[in-house]
Amino acid sequence: MAHRCSMSTPRADSVPRSRDLTRDDYAAVPFLRRGQSVSLIRWAQVDGEWSYTTILGEYLHRDERYWYLVVRGTRASLDRSEWAIFS
C-alpha cells in the first residue's frame, strides 16, 4: 500500500508578518538555562578552505543579536549571526 503525502500552504492571513518574527522564531534555538554549559561553533573561509572554531562557555542569556557567556572566567558577547549552537 502506497502512502500519499500532501503539503499545505498556510493562508496568507495566518502567516506572521516579518516584523512580528524574532530570530528565535525561524532559527532552532534550544531552551537554555543560566549557568548551563553550552558549545558554540563559527565557520569561516580561510585561504579558500572552510575552517571552524568551537567555544565552550557558561550560558548567561541571549538577545536578538548576541549570546552572552562566561568563557574561561571572562564575560563574552558573541554575535549570533556568526555563532551557532554546537552539540
PDB file of N, CA and C in Angstrom:
ATOM      1  N   MET A   1       0.836  -1.177   0.000  1.00  0.00           N
ATOM      2  CA  MET A   1       0.000   0.000   0.000  1.00  0.00           C
ATOM      3  C   MET A   1       0.884   1.244   0.000  1.00  0.00           C
ATOM      4  N   ALA A   2       0.701   2.120  -0.935  1.00  0.00           N
ATOM      5  CA  ALA A   2       1.481   3.346  -1.034  1.00  0.00           C
ATOM      6  C   ALA A   2       0.912   4.396  -0.095  1.00  0.00           C
ATOM      7  N   HIS A   3       1.792   5.168   0.487  1.00  0.00           N
ATOM      8  CA  HIS A   3       1.369   6.270   1.351  1.00  0.00           C
ATOM      9  C   HIS A   3       1.463   7.558   0.563  1.00  0.00           C
ATOM     10  N   ARG A   4       0.477   8.345   0.708  1.00  0.00           N
ATOM     11  CA  ARG A   4       0.455   9.614  -0.001  1.00  0.00           C
ATOM     12  C   ARG A   4       0.704  10.742   0.991  1.00  0.00           C
ATOM     13  N   CYS A   5       1.578  11.631   0.612  1.00  0.00           N
ATOM     14  CA  CYS A   5       1.925  12.760   1.461  1.00  0.00           C
ATOM     15  C   CYS A   5       1.490  14.033   0.763  1.00  0.00           C
ATOM     16  N   SER A   6       0.824  14.878   1.465  1.00  0.00           N
ATOM     17  CA  SER A   6       0.449  16.161   0.873  1.00  0.00           C
ATOM     18  C   SER A   6       0.935  17.275   1.775  1.00  0.00           C
ATOM     19  N   MET A   7       1.212  18.384   1.174  1.00  0.00           N
ATOM     20  CA  MET A   7       1.668  19.553   1.925  1.00  0.00           C
ATOM     21  C   MET A   7       0.660  20.661   1.701  1.00  0.00           C
ATOM     22  N   SER A   8       0.420  21.417   2.738  1.00  0.00           N
ATOM     23  CA  SER A   8      -0.493  22.540   2.582  1.00  0.00           C
ATOM     24  C   SER A   8       0.261  23.838   2.843  1.00  0.00           C
ATOM     25  N   THR A   9      -0.191  24.860   2.222  1.00  0.00           N
ATOM     26  CA  THR A   9       0.390  26.183   2.401  1.00  0.00           C
ATOM     27  C   THR A   9      -0.523  26.958   3.322  1.00  0.00           C
ATOM     28  N   PRO A  10       0.054  27.570   4.378  1.00  0.00           N
ATOM     29  CA  PRO A  10      -0.801  28.330   5.288  1.00  0.00           C
ATOM     30  C   PRO A  10      -1.441  29.516   4.576  1.00  0.00           C
ATOM     31  N   ARG A  11      -2.612  29.865   5.025  1.00  0.00           N
ATOM     32  CA  ARG A  11      -3.288  31.026   4.457  1.00  0.00           C
ATOM     33  C   ARG A  11      -2.467  32.273   4.744  1.00  0.00           C
ATOM     34  N   ALA A  12      -2.464  33.190   3.836  1.00  0.00           N
ATOM     35  CA  ALA A  12      -1.661  34.410   3.967  1.00  0.00           C
ATOM     36  C   ALA A  12      -2.002  35.187   5.233  1.00  0.00           C
ATOM     37  N   ASP A  13      -3.290  35.179   5.634  1.00  0.00           N
ATOM     38  CA  ASP A  13      -3.655  35.947   6.823  1.00  0.00           C
ATOM     39  C   ASP A  13      -3.239  35.264   8.123  1.00  0.00           C
ATOM     40  N   SER A  14      -2.777  34.007   8.054  1.00  0.00           N
ATOM     41  CA  SER A  14      -2.349  33.315   9.271  1.00  0.00           C
ATOM     42  C   SER A  14      -0.826  33.280   9.425  1.00  0.00           C
ATOM     43  N   VAL A  15      -0.100  33.778   8.432  1.00  0.00           N
ATOM     44  CA  VAL A  15       1.361  33.790   8.489  1.00  0.00           C
ATOM     45  C   VAL A  15       1.806  35.097   9.127  1.00  0.00           C
ATOM     46  N   PRO A  16       2.653  35.020  10.169  1.00  0.00           N
ATOM     47  CA  PRO A  16       3.104  36.265  10.812  1.00  0.00           C
ATOM     48  C   PRO A  16       3.880  37.143   9.834  1.00  0.00           C
ATOM     49  N   ARG A  17       3.702  38.436   9.951  1.00  0.00           N
ATOM     50  CA  ARG A  17       4.484  39.366   9.139  1.00  0.00           C
ATOM     51  C   ARG A  17       5.925  39.345   9.619  1.00  0.00           C
ATOM     52  N   SER A  18       6.885  39.598   8.740  1.00  0.00           N
ATOM     53  CA  SER A  18       8.303  39.506   9.090  1.00  0.00           C
ATOM     54  C   SER A  18       8.668  40.409  10.256  1.00  0.00           C
ATOM     55  N   ARG A  19       8.030  41.546  10.392  1.00  0.00           N
ATOM     56  CA  ARG A  19       8.376  42.431  11.508  1.00  0.00           C
ATOM     57  C   ARG A  19       7.882  41.867  12.841  1.00  0.00           C
ATOM     58  N   ASP A  20       6.981  40.872  12.806  1.00  0.00           N
ATOM     59  CA  ASP A  20       6.482  40.249  14.026  1.00  0.00           C
ATOM     60  C   ASP A  20       7.359  39.080  14.462  1.00  0.00           C
ATOM     61  N   LEU A  21       8.257  38.640  13.598  1.00  0.00           N
ATOM     62  CA  LEU A  21       9.098  37.486  13.897  1.00  0.00           C
ATOM     63  C   LEU A  21      10.379  37.920  14.591  1.00  0.00           C
ATOM     64  N   THR A  22      10.897  37.050  15.422  1.00  0.00           N
ATOM     65  CA  THR A  22      12.205  37.263  16.017  1.00  0.00           C
ATOM     66  C   THR A  22      13.122  36.172  15.500  1.00  0.00           C
ATOM     67  N   ARG A  23      14.408  36.333  15.716  1.00  0.00           N
ATOM     68  CA  ARG A  23      15.375  35.340  15.249  1.00  0.00           C
ATOM     69  C   ARG A  23      15.027  33.945  15.763  1.00  0.00           C
ATOM     70  N   ASP A  24      14.572  33.845  16.990  1.00  0.00           N
ATOM     71  CA  ASP A  24      14.248  32.543  17.569  1.00  0.00           C
ATOM     72  C   ASP A  24      13.016  31.910  16.934  1.00  0.00           C
ATOM     73  N   ASP A  25      12.226  32.688  16.197  1.00  0.00           N
ATOM     74  CA  ASP A  25      11.055  32.139  15.526  1.00  0.00           C
ATOM     75  C   ASP A  25      11.419  31.340  14.289  1.00  0.00           C
ATOM     76  N   TYR A  26      12.539  31.632  13.677  1.00  0.00           N
ATOM     77  CA  TYR A  26      12.907  30.905  12.460  1.00  0.00           C
ATOM     78  C   TYR A  26      14.245  30.188  12.552  1.00  0.00           C
ATOM     79  N   ALA A  27      14.940  30.302  13.648  1.00  0.00           N
ATOM     80  CA  ALA A  27      16.194  29.572  13.846  1.00  0.00           C
ATOM     81  C   ALA A  27      16.017  28.684  15.079  1.00  0.00           C
ATOM     82  N   ALA A  28      16.318  27.418  14.927  1.00  0.00           N
ATOM     83  CA  ALA A  28      16.150  26.478  16.041  1.00  0.00           C
ATOM     84  C   ALA A  28      17.119  26.831  17.171  1.00  0.00           C
ATOM     85  N   VAL A  29      16.580  27.212  18.295  1.00  0.00           N
ATOM     86  CA  VAL A  29      17.382  27.540  19.469  1.00  0.00           C
ATOM     87  C   VAL A  29      16.793  26.761  20.636  1.00  0.00           C
ATOM     88  N   PRO A  30      17.611  25.915  21.255  1.00  0.00           N
ATOM     89  CA  PRO A  30      17.082  25.113  22.364  1.00  0.00           C
ATOM     90  C   PRO A  30      16.823  25.968  23.602  1.00  0.00           C
ATOM     91  N   PHE A  31      16.051  25.418  24.506  1.00  0.00           N
ATOM     92  CA  PHE A  31      15.841  26.072  25.789  1.00  0.00           C
ATOM     93  C   PHE A  31      17.134  25.976  26.575  1.00  0.00           C
ATOM     94  N   LEU A  32      17.661  27.081  27.007  1.00  0.00           N
ATOM     95  CA  LEU A  32      18.921  27.102  27.755  1.00  0.00           C
ATOM     96  C   LEU A  32      18.681  27.748  29.108  1.00  0.00           C
ATOM     97  N   ARG A  33      19.355  27.224  30.107  1.00  0.00           N
ATOM     98  CA  ARG A  33      19.249  27.769  31.458  1.00  0.00           C
ATOM     99  C   ARG A  33      20.529  28.502  31.827  1.00  0.00           C
ATOM    100  N   ARG A  34      20.377  29.580  32.564  1.00  0.00           N
ATOM    101  CA  ARG A  34      21.532  30.335  33.040  1.00  0.00           C
ATOM    102  C   ARG A  34      22.460  29.400  33.809  1.00  0.00           C
ATOM    103  N   GLY A  35      23.758  29.469  33.505  1.00  0.00           N
ATOM    104  CA  GLY A  35      24.746  28.631  34.178  1.00  0.00           C
ATOM    105  C   GLY A  35      25.016  27.312  33.474  1.00  0.00           C
ATOM    106  N   GLN A  36      24.207  26.972  32.487  1.00  0.00           N
ATOM    107  CA  GLN A  36      24.369  25.724  31.739  1.00  0.00           C
ATOM    108  C   GLN A  36      25.585  25.829  30.817  1.00  0.00           C
ATOM    109  N   SER A  37      26.330  24.738  30.670  1.00  0.00           N
ATOM    110  CA  SER A  37      27.432  24.697  29.709  1.00  0.00           C
ATOM    111  C   SER A  37      26.853  24.636  28.300  1.00  0.00           C
ATOM    112  N   VAL A  38      27.429  25.426  27.413  1.00  0.00           N
ATOM    113  CA  VAL A  38      26.951  25.469  26.036  1.00  0.00           C
ATOM    114  C   VAL A  38      28.169  25.534  25.110  1.00  0.00           C
ATOM    115  N   SER A  39      28.072  24.827  23.989  1.00  0.00           N
ATOM    116  CA  SER A  39      29.124  24.865  22.969  1.00  0.00           C
ATOM    117  C   SER A  39      28.597  25.622  21.761  1.00  0.00           C
ATOM    118  N   LEU A  40      29.409  26.521  21.240  1.00  0.00           N
ATOM    119  CA  LEU A  40      29.057  27.273  20.044  1.00  0.00           C
ATOM    120  C   LEU A  40      30.099  27.008  18.963  1.00  0.00           C
ATOM    121  N   ILE A  41      29.695  27.141  17.709  1.00  0.00           N
ATOM    122  CA  ILE A  41      30.588  26.930  16.575  1.00  0.00           C
ATOM    123  C   ILE A  41      30.479  28.112  15.619  1.00  0.00           C
ATOM    124  N   ARG A  42      31.619  28.448  15.010  1.00  0.00           N
ATOM    125  CA  ARG A  42      31.662  29.509  13.996  1.00  0.00           C
ATOM    126  C   ARG A  42      32.460  28.979  12.816  1.00  0.00           C
ATOM    127  N   TRP A  43      31.919  29.106  11.622  1.00  0.00           N
ATOM    128  CA  TRP A  43      32.586  28.684  10.396  1.00  0.00           C
ATOM    129  C   TRP A  43      33.153  29.906   9.694  1.00  0.00           C
ATOM    130  N   ALA A  44      34.323  29.734   9.083  1.00  0.00           N
ATOM    131  CA  ALA A  44      34.941  30.822   8.320  1.00  0.00           C
ATOM    132  C   ALA A  44      35.728  30.231   7.170  1.00  0.00           C
ATOM    133  N   GLN A  45      35.794  30.981   6.104  1.00  0.00           N
ATOM    134  CA  GLN A  45      36.598  30.545   4.972  1.00  0.00           C
ATOM    135  C   GLN A  45      37.955  31.240   5.062  1.00  0.00           C
ATOM    136  N   VAL A  46      39.018  30.419   5.109  1.00  0.00           N
ATOM    137  CA  VAL A  46      40.382  30.927   5.228  1.00  0.00           C
ATOM    138  C   VAL A  46      41.199  30.346   4.081  1.00  0.00           C
ATOM    139  N   ASP A  47      41.760  31.223   3.250  1.00  0.00           N
ATOM    140  CA  ASP A  47      42.562  30.789   2.099  1.00  0.00           C
ATOM    141  C   ASP A  47      41.817  29.777   1.233  1.00  0.00           C
ATOM    142  N   GLY A  48      40.529  30.015   1.024  1.00  0.00           N
ATOM    143  CA  GLY A  48      39.732  29.147   0.164  1.00  0.00           C
ATOM    144  C   GLY A  48      39.270  27.851   0.812  1.00  0.00           C
ATOM    145  N   GLU A  49      39.636  27.617   2.045  1.00  0.00           N
ATOM    146  CA  GLU A  49      39.242  26.407   2.773  1.00  0.00           C
ATOM    147  C   GLU A  49      38.351  26.787   3.941  1.00  0.00           C
ATOM    148  N   TRP A  50      37.365  25.927   4.224  1.00  0.00           N
ATOM    149  CA  TRP A  50      36.491  26.178   5.365  1.00  0.00           C
ATOM    150  C   TRP A  50      37.153  25.697   6.644  1.00  0.00           C
ATOM    151  N   SER A  51      37.030  26.509   7.662  1.00  0.00           N
ATOM    152  CA  SER A  51      37.619  26.222   8.965  1.00  0.00           C
ATOM    153  C   SER A  51      36.566  26.539  10.024  1.00  0.00           C
ATOM    154  N   TYR A  52      36.658  25.907  11.160  1.00  0.00           N
ATOM    155  CA  TYR A  52      35.697  26.204  12.216  1.00  0.00           C
ATOM    156  C   TYR A  52      36.398  26.432  13.540  1.00  0.00           C
ATOM    157  N   THR A  53      35.708  27.147  14.404  1.00  0.00           N
ATOM    158  CA  THR A  53      36.165  27.392  15.766  1.00  0.00           C
ATOM    159  C   THR A  53      35.021  27.010  16.688  1.00  0.00           C
ATOM    160  N   THR A  54      35.321  26.297  17.741  1.00  0.00           N
ATOM    161  CA  THR A  54      34.291  25.985  18.733  1.00  0.00           C
ATOM    162  C   THR A  54      34.690  26.642  20.043  1.00  0.00           C
ATOM    163  N   ILE A  55      33.687  26.917  20.842  1.00  0.00           N
ATOM    164  CA  ILE A  55      33.935  27.536  22.136  1.00  0.00           C
ATOM    165  C   ILE A  55      32.966  26.921  23.148  1.00  0.00           C
ATOM    166  N   LEU A  56      33.456  26.685  24.343  1.00  0.00           N
ATOM    167  CA  LEU A  56      32.635  26.153  25.426  1.00  0.00           C
ATOM    168  C   LEU A  56      32.541  27.233  26.490  1.00  0.00           C
ATOM    169  N   GLY A  57      31.330  27.527  26.915  1.00  0.00           N
ATOM    170  CA  GLY A  57      31.154  28.557  27.925  1.00  0.00           C
ATOM    171  C   GLY A  57      29.948  28.287  28.790  1.00  0.00           C
ATOM    172  N   GLU A  58      29.782  29.148  29.769  1.00  0.00           N
ATOM    173  CA  GLU A  58      28.626  29.082  30.672  1.00  0.00           C
ATOM    174  C   GLU A  58      27.592  30.083  30.167  1.00  0.00           C
ATOM    175  N   TYR A  59      26.420  29.585  29.833  1.00  0.00           N
ATOM    176  CA  TYR A  59      25.356  30.419  29.279  1.00  0.00           C
ATOM    177  C   TYR A  59      24.831  31.406  30.313  1.00  0.00           C
ATOM    178  N   LEU A  60      24.725  32.676  29.918  1.00  0.00           N
ATOM    179  CA  LEU A  60      24.101  33.696  30.763  1.00  0.00           C
ATOM    180  C   LEU A  60      22.718  34.038  30.221  1.00  0.00           C
ATOM    181  N   HIS A  61      22.669  34.526  28.987  1.00  0.00           N
ATOM    182  CA  HIS A  61      21.404  34.831  28.322  1.00  0.00           C
ATOM    183  C   HIS A  61      21.704  35.158  26.870  1.00  0.00           C
ATOM    184  N   ARG A  62      20.644  35.497  26.118  1.00  0.00           N
ATOM    185  CA  ARG A  62      20.804  35.911  24.727  1.00  0.00           C
ATOM    186  C   ARG A  62      19.765  36.971  24.421  1.00  0.00           C
ATOM    187  N   ASP A  63      20.055  37.736  23.391  1.00  0.00           N
ATOM    188  CA  ASP A  63      19.057  38.658  22.876  1.00  0.00           C
ATOM    189  C   ASP A  63      19.046  38.468  21.364  1.00  0.00           C
ATOM    190  N   GLU A  64      18.431  39.362  20.648  1.00  0.00           N
ATOM    191  CA  GLU A  64      18.316  39.204  19.200  1.00  0.00           C
ATOM    192  C   GLU A  64      19.682  39.175  18.510  1.00  0.00           C
ATOM    193  N   ARG A  65      20.680  39.791  19.100  1.00  0.00           N
ATOM    194  CA  ARG A  65      21.970  39.933  18.412  1.00  0.00           C
ATOM    195  C   ARG A  65      23.103  39.100  18.994  1.00  0.00           C
ATOM    196  N   TYR A  66      23.127  38.884  20.298  1.00  0.00           N
ATOM    197  CA  TYR A  66      24.291  38.256  20.929  1.00  0.00           C
ATOM    198  C   TYR A  66      23.939  37.076  21.829  1.00  0.00           C
ATOM    199  N   TRP A  67      24.912  36.162  21.954  1.00  0.00           N
ATOM    200  CA  TRP A  67      24.956  35.164  23.014  1.00  0.00           C
ATOM    201  C   TRP A  67      25.805  35.807  24.110  1.00  0.00           C
ATOM    202  N   TYR A  68      25.387  35.708  25.351  1.00  0.00           N
ATOM    203  CA  TYR A  68      26.170  36.212  26.472  1.00  0.00           C
ATOM    204  C   TYR A  68      26.609  35.009  27.290  1.00  0.00           C
ATOM    205  N   LEU A  69      27.922  34.826  27.400  1.00  0.00           N
ATOM    206  CA  LEU A  69      28.513  33.670  28.067  1.00  0.00           C
ATOM    207  C   LEU A  69      29.611  34.111  29.007  1.00  0.00           C
ATOM    208  N   VAL A  70      30.036  33.179  29.859  1.00  0.00           N
ATOM    209  CA  VAL A  70      31.275  33.318  30.598  1.00  0.00           C
ATOM    210  C   VAL A  70      32.202  32.261  30.020  1.00  0.00           C
ATOM    211  N   VAL A  71      33.331  32.710  29.466  1.00  0.00           N
ATOM    212  CA  VAL A  71      34.302  31.817  28.845  1.00  0.00           C
ATOM    213  C   VAL A  71      35.613  31.959  29.600  1.00  0.00           C
ATOM    214  N   ARG A  72      36.070  30.878  30.198  1.00  0.00           N
ATOM    215  CA  ARG A  72      37.303  30.875  30.993  1.00  0.00           C
ATOM    216  C   ARG A  72      37.327  32.003  32.023  1.00  0.00           C
ATOM    217  N   GLY A  73      36.196  32.203  32.678  1.00  0.00           N
ATOM    218  CA  GLY A  73      36.098  33.195  33.738  1.00  0.00           C
ATOM    219  C   GLY A  73      35.853  34.621  33.285  1.00  0.00           C
ATOM    220  N   THR A  74      35.754  34.855  31.979  1.00  0.00           N
ATOM    221  CA  THR A  74      35.552  36.195  31.444  1.00  0.00           C
ATOM    222  C   THR A  74      34.226  36.272  30.692  1.00  0.00           C
ATOM    223  N   ARG A  75      33.472  37.345  30.941  1.00  0.00           N
ATOM    224  CA  ARG A  75      32.214  37.539  30.217  1.00  0.00           C
ATOM    225  C   ARG A  75      32.500  37.811  28.749  1.00  0.00           C
ATOM    226  N   ALA A  76      31.680  37.203  27.882  1.00  0.00           N
ATOM    227  CA  ALA A  76      31.841  37.389  26.442  1.00  0.00           C
ATOM    228  C   ALA A  76      30.473  37.576  25.797  1.00  0.00           C
ATOM    229  N   SER A  77      30.425  38.398  24.756  1.00  0.00           N
ATOM    230  CA  SER A  77      29.217  38.521  23.942  1.00  0.00           C
ATOM    231  C   SER A  77      29.619  38.129  22.528  1.00  0.00           C
ATOM    232  N   LEU A  78      28.939  37.097  22.012  1.00  0.00           N
ATOM    233  CA  LEU A  78      29.264  36.553  20.697  1.00  0.00           C
ATOM    234  C   LEU A  78      28.097  36.807  19.755  1.00  0.00           C
ATOM    235  N   ASP A  79      28.400  37.322  18.586  1.00  0.00           N
ATOM    236  CA  ASP A  79      27.389  37.674  17.600  1.00  0.00           C
ATOM    237  C   ASP A  79      26.642  36.424  17.135  1.00  0.00           C
ATOM    238  N   ARG A  80      25.322  36.417  17.281  1.00  0.00           N
ATOM    239  CA  ARG A  80      24.528  35.241  16.905  1.00  0.00           C
ATOM    240  C   ARG A  80      24.499  35.006  15.404  1.00  0.00           C
ATOM    241  N   SER A  81      24.825  36.013  14.600  1.00  0.00           N
ATOM    242  CA  SER A  81      24.872  35.801  13.155  1.00  0.00           C
ATOM    243  C   SER A  81      26.138  35.027  12.763  1.00  0.00           C
ATOM    244  N   GLU A  82      27.116  34.944  13.665  1.00  0.00           N
ATOM    245  CA  GLU A  82      28.360  34.219  13.406  1.00  0.00           C
ATOM    246  C   GLU A  82      28.453  32.905  14.171  1.00  0.00           C
ATOM    247  N   TRP A  83      27.850  32.839  15.350  1.00  0.00           N
ATOM    248  CA  TRP A  83      27.987  31.687  16.239  1.00  0.00           C
ATOM    249  C   TRP A  83      26.666  30.937  16.356  1.00  0.00           C
ATOM    250  N   ALA A  84      26.738  29.602  16.307  1.00  0.00           N
ATOM    251  CA  ALA A  84      25.548  28.752  16.420  1.00  0.00           C
ATOM    252  C   ALA A  84      25.761  27.687  17.482  1.00  0.00           C
ATOM    253  N   ILE A  85      24.670  27.180  18.024  1.00  0.00           N
ATOM    254  CA  ILE A  85      24.740  26.075  18.983  1.00  0.00           C
ATOM    255  C   ILE A  85      25.408  24.877  18.313  1.00  0.00           C
ATOM    256  N   PHE A  86      26.293  24.235  19.046  1.00  0.00           N
ATOM    257  CA  PHE A  86      27.037  23.079  18.546  1.00  0.00           C
ATOM    258  C   PHE A  86      26.933  21.981  19.589  1.00  0.00           C
ATOM    259  N   SER A  87      26.443  20.828  19.156  1.00  0.00           N
ATOM    260  CA  SER A  87      26.338  19.720  20.130  1.00  0.00           C
ATOM    261  C   SER A  87      26.909  18.453  19.569  1.00  0.00           C
TER     262      SER A  87
END
